[in-house]
Amino acid sequence: MALIDTFPNPNKKRDYEIEITCPEFTSLCPKTGQPDFATIRITYTPNAKCIELKSLKIYLQSYRDIGSFHEDVTNKIMDDFIKSCMPKKAIIVGDFNLRGGIKTVVKVEYKKPKKN
């Protein structure tokens, strides 16, 4: 699995959101081996680091040959995203194309725990 590179947040003085849309995501159905197509939407509030987009693209392309259910792949993307940049908050939506008359949208949310 490719790593997601980061760079220092250039505007740490205020919170702001970054929205990223990846309309060409592909993974494999673990049952049939057929491709699953999706749009992955990432919205996050950076903390100390921001995601470098080329490495994110390569990371997402690495799923093309991996069999994974929609729910699992969306949560795995969130886990790797959190490890890479430790955002203040993030939402990742896997909007999977219609298949067999059923459409799946998986939404995963993360909010950095507050320190006591």
Protein backbone atom coordinates (compact mmCIF):
# COMPACT_ATOMS: atom_id res chain seq x y z
CA MET A 1 0.00 0.00 0.00
CA ALA A 2 1.35 3.40 -0.98
CA LEU A 3 1.94 6.02 1.71
CA ILE A 4 0.16 9.36 1.85
CA ASP A 5 2.69 12.20 2.00
CA THR A 6 2.05 15.47 3.82
CA PHE A 7 3.41 18.99 4.07
CA PRO A 8 3.27 21.51 6.95
CA ASN A 9 -0.02 23.35 7.31
CA PRO A 10 0.77 26.87 6.04
CA ASN A 11 -2.14 28.48 7.97
CA LYS A 12 -2.20 27.12 11.51
CA LYS A 13 -3.70 30.35 12.89
CA ARG A 14 -7.25 29.39 11.93
CA ASP A 15 -9.38 26.37 11.19
CA TYR A 16 -10.37 25.82 7.58
CA GLU A 17 -11.70 22.91 5.54
CA ILE A 18 -10.14 21.22 2.57
CA GLU A 19 -12.41 19.27 0.20
CA ILE A 20 -10.96 16.66 -2.13
CA THR A 21 -12.96 14.68 -4.69
CA CYS A 22 -11.56 11.57 -6.36
CA PRO A 23 -14.12 10.51 -9.01
CA GLU A 24 -12.15 7.58 -10.45
CA PHE A 25 -11.70 5.28 -7.45
CA THR A 26 -11.66 1.55 -8.23
CA SER A 27 -11.39 -1.51 -6.01
CA LEU A 28 -12.41 -5.15 -6.44
CA CYS A 29 -15.44 -6.94 -5.07
CA PRO A 30 -14.04 -9.68 -2.78
CA LYS A 31 -16.90 -12.03 -3.73
CA THR A 32 -16.92 -11.72 -7.53
CA GLY A 33 -13.55 -10.18 -8.38
CA GLN A 34 -15.41 -7.58 -10.47
CA PRO A 35 -14.36 -3.92 -10.25
CA ASP A 36 -16.28 -1.54 -8.00
CA PHE A 37 -16.23 2.11 -9.07
CA ALA A 38 -16.74 5.01 -6.69
CA THR A 39 -16.25 8.67 -6.02
CA ILE A 40 -14.28 9.23 -2.82
CA ARG A 41 -14.93 12.57 -1.13
CA ILE A 42 -12.62 13.76 1.63
CA THR A 43 -13.35 16.83 3.73
CA TYR A 44 -10.94 17.64 6.53
CA THR A 45 -9.76 20.36 8.87
CA PRO A 46 -5.97 20.17 8.96
CA ASN A 47 -3.99 20.23 12.16
CA ALA A 48 -0.20 20.47 11.74
CA LYS A 49 -0.09 18.75 8.33
CA CYS A 50 -1.93 18.83 5.00
CA ILE A 51 -2.22 15.96 2.52
CA GLU A 52 -0.08 16.10 -0.61
CA LEU A 53 -2.45 15.39 -3.51
CA LYS A 54 -0.21 13.40 -5.87
CA SER A 55 0.61 10.89 -3.13
CA LEU A 56 -3.10 10.67 -2.25
CA LYS A 57 -3.87 9.86 -5.89
CA ILE A 58 -1.22 7.12 -5.95
CA TYR A 59 -2.49 5.79 -2.61
CA LEU A 60 -6.08 5.57 -3.86
CA GLN A 61 -4.95 3.94 -7.14
CA SER A 62 -3.26 1.21 -5.09
CA TYR A 63 -6.74 -0.18 -4.26
CA ARG A 64 -7.36 -1.20 -7.90
CA ASP A 65 -6.15 -4.76 -7.31
CA ILE A 66 -7.40 -5.20 -3.74
CA GLY A 67 -10.60 -7.08 -2.93
CA SER A 68 -12.48 -5.22 -0.23
CA PHE A 69 -16.08 -4.53 0.75
CA HIS A 70 -17.26 -0.92 0.42
CA GLU A 71 -17.54 -0.50 4.19
CA ASP A 72 -14.06 -1.86 4.80
CA VAL A 73 -12.28 0.11 2.10
CA THR A 74 -13.83 3.42 3.20
CA ASN A 75 -12.84 2.82 6.83
CA LYS A 76 -9.32 1.73 5.80
CA ILE A 77 -8.89 4.96 3.81
CA MET A 78 -9.92 6.91 6.93
CA ASP A 79 -7.49 4.97 9.15
CA ASP A 80 -4.58 5.67 6.77
CA PHE A 81 -5.65 9.30 6.36
CA ILE A 82 -5.63 9.82 10.13
CA LYS A 83 -2.20 8.15 10.46
CA SER A 84 -0.79 10.40 7.75
CA CYS A 85 -1.92 13.85 8.82
CA MET A 86 -3.75 13.62 12.20
CA PRO A 87 -6.48 16.09 11.17
CA LYS A 88 -8.65 17.98 13.63
CA LYS A 89 -11.64 16.39 11.92
CA ALA A 90 -12.37 14.49 8.75
CA ILE A 91 -15.23 13.01 6.79
CA ILE A 92 -14.66 10.44 4.07
CA VAL A 93 -17.52 9.37 1.82
CA GLY A 94 -17.30 6.38 -0.49
CA ASP A 95 -20.06 6.91 -3.06
CA PHE A 96 -20.08 3.61 -4.95
CA ASN A 97 -21.70 3.22 -8.36
CA LEU A 98 -24.91 1.30 -8.81
CA ARG A 99 -24.32 -2.46 -9.00
CA GLY A 100 -26.98 -5.13 -9.31
CA GLY A 101 -29.70 -2.56 -8.64
CA ILE A 102 -28.16 -1.43 -5.34
CA LYS A 103 -26.22 1.77 -4.61
CA THR A 104 -23.99 2.05 -1.57
CA VAL A 105 -22.74 5.23 0.11
CA VAL A 106 -20.44 4.80 3.11
CA LYS A 107 -19.71 7.85 5.30
CA VAL A 108 -16.97 7.74 7.95
CA GLU A 109 -16.42 10.60 10.40
CA TYR A 110 -13.47 11.37 12.66
CA LYS A 111 -12.97 14.08 15.26
CA LYS A 112 -9.69 14.41 17.12
CA PRO A 113 -10.24 13.68 20.81
CA LYS A 114 -9.92 16.71 23.08
CA LYS A 115 -7.20 16.61 25.71
CA ASN A 116 -8.37 16.96 29.31
